[in-house]
């Protein structure tokens, strides 16, 4: 049975400022969350002022707990699905976030495995290379380099006058890494995430230095997903309680997530 949203436990009423202060938010943010469907509709006084209840506080706590693991967009969609009576849609969104975390963990393991297989890549001499000389250095056909480019492994620029592919230092590095990984039996779709991480880190050495941070971030997301699920489950149970039985002391304050 859905709780009467105009009365809380023992008729307790909460002002927008009460919800806002509990979580370090502005009253406008609370109103925005209600208008966005993240909170259920508020009751109104005869003079038109919003009246919230402990159930609204529970919804806000669930949303803020979902934010670190799911991000703002998905956390919002989860609460909106709940409020329009579509819990299965909410559960599907939660499952998708867990699936993305699993895929990110697989990418991390692939990066670590590939790093163990790599040899140091010397800087190219002469600064840039065209496709023919680079293919000759690597012992591959130029068609292989074009295939790697199509797969997103290598990103040469084009000479504005001739239109020829020009491989700068970073592109040569990526081509050599791709060649090593191909010789090691890695498939193109397995190599692409690794080289993307290398480019973002600015090279192999900086990437190796970021692996610990990457592990920590994934662990944090995993725990955040668990915390968010617990708060959401508590909110779902509260929505099923008969009116007047919701304990306002049950809802702990959820720290506001970083901007």
Protein backbone atom coordinates (compact mmCIF):
# COMPACT_ATOMS: atom_id res chain seq x y z
CA UNK A 1 0.00 0.00 0.00
CA UNK A 2 1.41 3.36 -0.97
CA UNK A 3 1.79 5.84 1.87
CA UNK A 4 -0.33 8.97 1.94
CA UNK A 5 2.26 11.57 0.92
CA UNK A 6 0.61 14.41 2.79
CA UNK A 7 1.21 12.91 6.24
CA UNK A 8 4.26 11.23 7.68
CA UNK A 9 4.91 9.24 10.82
CA UNK A 10 2.45 10.42 13.46
CA UNK A 11 1.46 13.25 11.10
CA UNK A 12 5.00 14.65 11.00
CA UNK A 13 5.48 17.38 8.45
CA UNK A 14 8.80 18.60 7.08
CA UNK A 15 9.59 21.86 5.36
CA UNK A 16 11.86 22.04 2.28
CA UNK A 17 14.52 23.60 4.49
CA UNK A 18 14.39 20.58 6.82
CA UNK A 19 15.25 18.20 3.97
CA UNK A 20 17.83 20.60 2.58
CA UNK A 21 19.75 21.15 5.82
CA UNK A 22 19.93 17.43 6.59
CA UNK A 23 21.95 16.84 3.42
CA UNK A 24 23.78 20.14 2.92
CA UNK A 25 21.54 21.11 -0.01
CA UNK A 26 19.71 24.26 -0.92
CA UNK A 27 15.94 24.42 -0.67
CA UNK A 28 15.86 25.11 -4.40
CA UNK A 29 17.69 21.83 -5.02
CA UNK A 30 15.02 19.98 -3.04
CA UNK A 31 12.28 21.64 -5.07
CA UNK A 32 14.14 20.83 -8.28
CA UNK A 33 14.39 17.17 -7.27
CA UNK A 34 10.65 17.05 -6.68
CA UNK A 35 9.89 18.69 -10.01
CA UNK A 36 12.22 16.22 -11.74
CA UNK A 37 10.35 13.25 -10.24
CA UNK A 38 13.26 12.23 -8.01
CA UNK A 39 11.07 12.91 -4.97
CA UNK A 40 7.38 12.01 -4.85
CA UNK A 41 4.93 14.94 -5.10
CA UNK A 42 4.75 17.05 -1.97
CA UNK A 43 1.57 17.95 -0.15
CA UNK A 44 0.51 21.58 0.02
CA UNK A 45 -0.75 23.76 2.82
CA UNK A 46 -3.89 25.86 2.20
CA UNK A 47 -1.56 28.76 1.42
CA UNK A 48 0.34 26.71 -1.15
CA UNK A 49 3.54 25.90 0.75
CA UNK A 50 5.14 22.51 0.15
CA UNK A 51 4.83 19.92 2.91
CA UNK A 52 7.21 16.98 2.98
CA UNK A 53 7.22 13.85 5.14
CA UNK A 54 9.77 11.29 6.36
CA UNK A 55 8.98 9.36 3.18
CA UNK A 56 10.31 12.27 1.11
CA UNK A 57 13.39 12.31 3.32
CA UNK A 58 13.83 8.60 2.59
CA UNK A 59 13.54 9.22 -1.15
CA UNK A 60 16.13 11.98 -0.99
CA UNK A 61 18.47 9.79 1.06
CA UNK A 62 18.11 6.96 -1.47
CA UNK A 63 18.86 9.28 -4.38
CA UNK A 64 21.97 10.74 -2.76
CA UNK A 65 23.18 7.23 -1.89
CA UNK A 66 22.68 6.10 -5.49
CA UNK A 67 24.59 9.05 -6.96
CA UNK A 68 28.21 7.91 -6.32
CA UNK A 69 27.73 4.50 -7.91
CA UNK A 70 25.34 5.30 -10.75
CA UNK A 71 25.86 8.95 -11.58
CA UNK A 72 23.23 11.68 -11.62
CA UNK A 73 21.40 10.63 -14.78
CA UNK A 74 20.95 6.97 -13.88
CA UNK A 75 20.17 7.67 -10.21
CA UNK A 76 17.48 10.11 -11.34
CA UNK A 77 16.00 7.57 -13.76
CA UNK A 78 15.92 4.92 -11.02
CA UNK A 79 13.87 7.12 -8.69
CA UNK A 80 11.60 8.29 -11.50
CA UNK A 81 10.91 4.67 -12.44
CA UNK A 82 10.01 3.88 -8.83
CA UNK A 83 7.66 6.84 -8.61
CA UNK A 84 5.82 6.00 -11.80
CA UNK A 85 5.24 2.45 -10.52
CA UNK A 86 7.82 0.72 -12.74
CA UNK A 87 10.25 -0.95 -10.29
CA UNK A 88 11.43 -3.44 -12.92
CA UNK A 89 12.77 -0.55 -14.96
CA UNK A 90 14.65 0.67 -11.90
CA UNK A 91 16.12 -2.78 -11.32
CA UNK A 92 17.20 -2.98 -14.97
CA UNK A 93 19.05 0.33 -14.61
CA UNK A 94 20.79 -0.95 -11.48
CA UNK A 95 21.77 -4.16 -13.26
CA UNK A 96 23.21 -2.13 -16.15
CA UNK A 97 25.44 -0.18 -13.76
CA UNK A 98 26.72 -3.43 -12.26
CA UNK A 99 27.34 -4.80 -15.75
CA UNK A 100 29.33 -1.67 -16.64
CA UNK A 101 31.42 -2.05 -13.50
CA UNK A 102 32.13 -5.68 -14.42
CA UNK A 103 33.18 -4.62 -17.92
CA UNK A 104 35.46 -1.94 -16.46
CA UNK A 105 37.06 -4.57 -14.23
CA UNK A 106 37.64 -6.78 -17.27
CA UNK A 107 39.26 -3.87 -19.07
CA UNK A 108 41.55 -3.26 -16.10
CA UNK A 109 42.59 -6.91 -16.02
CA UNK A 110 43.25 -6.81 -19.77
CA UNK A 111 45.37 -3.69 -19.36
CA UNK A 112 47.41 -5.29 -16.58
CA UNK A 113 47.85 -8.48 -18.57
CA UNK A 114 48.88 -6.60 -21.69
CA UNK A 115 51.34 -4.43 -19.77
CA UNK A 116 53.12 -7.56 -18.60
CA UNK A 117 53.59 -8.59 -22.23
CA UNK A 118 54.97 -5.27 -23.45
CA UNK A 119 58.56 -4.28 -24.01
CA UNK A 120 59.82 -0.70 -23.72
CA UNK A 121 59.00 1.32 -26.83
CA UNK A 122 61.82 3.63 -27.96
CA UNK A 123 60.94 7.11 -29.14
CA UNK A 124 60.82 7.42 -32.94
CA UNK A 125 63.79 9.01 -34.69
CA UNK A 126 63.09 11.97 -36.90
CA UNK A 127 59.84 12.91 -35.16
CA UNK A 128 57.31 11.65 -37.71
CA UNK A 129 56.93 8.79 -40.16
CA UNK A 130 54.78 8.06 -43.18
CA UNK A 131 52.86 4.81 -43.48
CA UNK A 132 55.43 3.04 -45.71
CA UNK A 133 58.53 3.60 -43.54
CA UNK A 134 56.61 2.79 -40.35
CA UNK A 135 55.24 -0.42 -41.85
CA UNK A 136 58.79 -1.34 -42.91
CA UNK A 137 60.13 -0.73 -39.39
CA UNK A 138 57.43 -2.92 -37.89
CA UNK A 139 57.69 -5.63 -40.52
CA UNK A 140 54.02 -5.38 -41.48
CA UNK A 141 52.16 -4.34 -44.60
CA UNK A 142 50.79 -0.80 -44.86
CA UNK A 143 47.33 -2.38 -45.04
CA UNK A 144 47.83 -3.61 -41.46
CA UNK A 145 48.40 -0.05 -40.25
CA UNK A 146 45.30 1.12 -42.07
CA UNK A 147 43.32 -1.71 -40.47
CA UNK A 148 44.60 -0.73 -37.04
CA UNK A 149 43.61 2.85 -37.75
CA UNK A 150 40.08 1.77 -38.71
CA UNK A 151 39.86 -0.15 -35.42
CA UNK A 152 40.87 2.94 -33.46
CA UNK A 153 44.26 1.57 -32.38
CA UNK A 154 46.38 4.16 -34.18
CA UNK A 155 45.51 7.78 -34.92
CA UNK A 156 47.76 9.32 -37.57
CA UNK A 157 47.10 12.82 -38.81
CA UNK A 158 46.82 13.77 -42.45
CA UNK A 159 49.33 15.97 -44.25
CA UNK A 160 47.26 19.02 -45.33
CA UNK A 161 49.05 19.27 -48.69
CA UNK A 162 49.30 15.64 -49.78
CA UNK A 163 46.64 13.92 -47.67
CA UNK A 164 49.18 11.26 -46.70
CA UNK A 165 49.03 9.68 -43.25
CA UNK A 166 51.66 11.12 -40.91
CA UNK A 167 52.54 9.26 -37.68
CA UNK A 168 53.81 11.48 -34.91
CA UNK A 169 55.54 10.21 -31.78
CA UNK A 170 52.34 9.16 -30.04
CA UNK A 171 50.97 7.43 -33.15
CA UNK A 172 54.25 5.56 -33.67
CA UNK A 173 54.18 4.47 -30.04
CA UNK A 174 50.63 3.20 -30.42
CA UNK A 175 51.51 1.35 -33.63
CA UNK A 176 54.45 -0.38 -31.95
CA UNK A 177 52.35 -1.31 -28.93
CA UNK A 178 49.61 -2.64 -31.20
CA UNK A 179 52.19 -4.68 -33.10
CA UNK A 180 53.56 -6.19 -29.89
CA UNK A 181 50.09 -7.05 -28.63
CA UNK A 182 49.07 -8.57 -31.96
CA UNK A 183 52.17 -10.76 -31.86
CA UNK A 184 51.17 -11.74 -28.33
CA UNK A 185 47.84 -13.05 -29.59
CA UNK A 186 45.63 -10.14 -28.51
CA UNK A 187 42.66 -9.33 -30.73
CA UNK A 188 41.95 -5.86 -32.08
CA UNK A 189 38.92 -5.32 -29.84
CA UNK A 190 41.06 -6.29 -26.84
CA UNK A 191 43.84 -3.89 -27.80
CA UNK A 192 41.63 -0.85 -28.35
CA UNK A 193 40.74 -0.25 -24.65
CA UNK A 194 44.38 -0.61 -23.65
CA UNK A 195 45.64 1.96 -26.14
CA UNK A 196 42.83 4.28 -25.15
CA UNK A 197 44.06 4.10 -21.56
CA UNK A 198 47.67 4.64 -22.69
CA UNK A 199 46.64 7.78 -24.58
CA UNK A 200 44.63 9.12 -21.64
CA UNK A 201 47.53 8.52 -19.25
CA UNK A 202 50.10 10.00 -21.62
CA UNK A 203 52.20 6.86 -22.05
CA UNK A 204 53.00 3.49 -20.51
CA UNK A 205 54.85 4.69 -17.43
CA UNK A 206 52.10 7.12 -16.32
CA UNK A 207 49.54 4.39 -17.02
CA UNK A 208 51.35 1.93 -14.79
CA UNK A 209 51.36 4.56 -12.06
CA UNK A 210 47.58 4.98 -12.34
CA UNK A 211 46.65 1.30 -12.02
CA UNK A 212 46.44 1.46 -8.23
CA UNK A 213 44.19 4.50 -8.46
CA UNK A 214 42.09 2.68 -11.04
CA UNK A 215 41.68 -0.29 -8.68
CA UNK A 216 40.71 2.02 -5.84
CA UNK A 217 38.15 3.83 -7.98
CA UNK A 218 36.50 0.58 -9.10
CA UNK A 219 36.39 -0.70 -5.52
CA UNK A 220 34.78 2.56 -4.44
CA UNK A 221 32.16 2.28 -7.16
CA UNK A 222 31.39 -1.29 -6.12
CA UNK A 223 30.83 -0.29 -2.52
CA UNK A 224 28.80 2.73 -3.60
CA UNK A 225 26.53 0.46 -5.63
CA UNK A 226 25.96 -1.67 -2.53
CA UNK A 227 25.24 1.35 -0.33
CA UNK A 228 22.86 2.78 -2.88
CA UNK A 229 21.02 -0.52 -3.21
CA UNK A 230 20.57 -0.72 0.57
CA UNK A 231 19.12 2.78 0.79
CA UNK A 232 16.84 2.16 -2.17
CA UNK A 233 15.58 -1.10 -0.69
CA UNK A 234 14.81 0.70 2.58
CA UNK A 235 12.90 3.36 0.66
CA UNK A 236 10.94 0.75 -1.30
CA UNK A 237 9.98 -0.96 1.95
CA UNK A 238 8.92 2.37 3.45
CA UNK A 239 6.61 3.00 0.50
CA UNK A 240 4.87 -0.29 1.28
CA UNK A 241 4.31 0.52 4.95
CA UNK A 242 0.86 1.61 6.16
CA UNK A 243 0.54 5.36 6.85
CA UNK A 244 1.86 6.46 10.23
CA UNK A 245 4.31 3.59 10.74
CA UNK A 246 7.44 5.12 9.18
CA UNK A 247 10.08 5.84 11.80
CA UNK A 248 11.75 9.17 10.95
CA UNK A 249 14.75 8.24 13.10
CA UNK A 250 15.50 5.33 10.75
CA UNK A 251 16.76 7.56 7.98
CA UNK A 252 20.40 8.30 8.48
CA UNK A 253 21.97 11.35 6.91
CA UNK A 254 23.72 10.57 3.63
CA UNK A 255 26.75 12.79 2.99
CA UNK A 256 26.35 15.02 -0.02
CA UNK A 257 28.42 13.58 -2.91
CA UNK A 258 31.24 15.71 -4.33
CA UNK A 259 30.30 17.97 -7.25
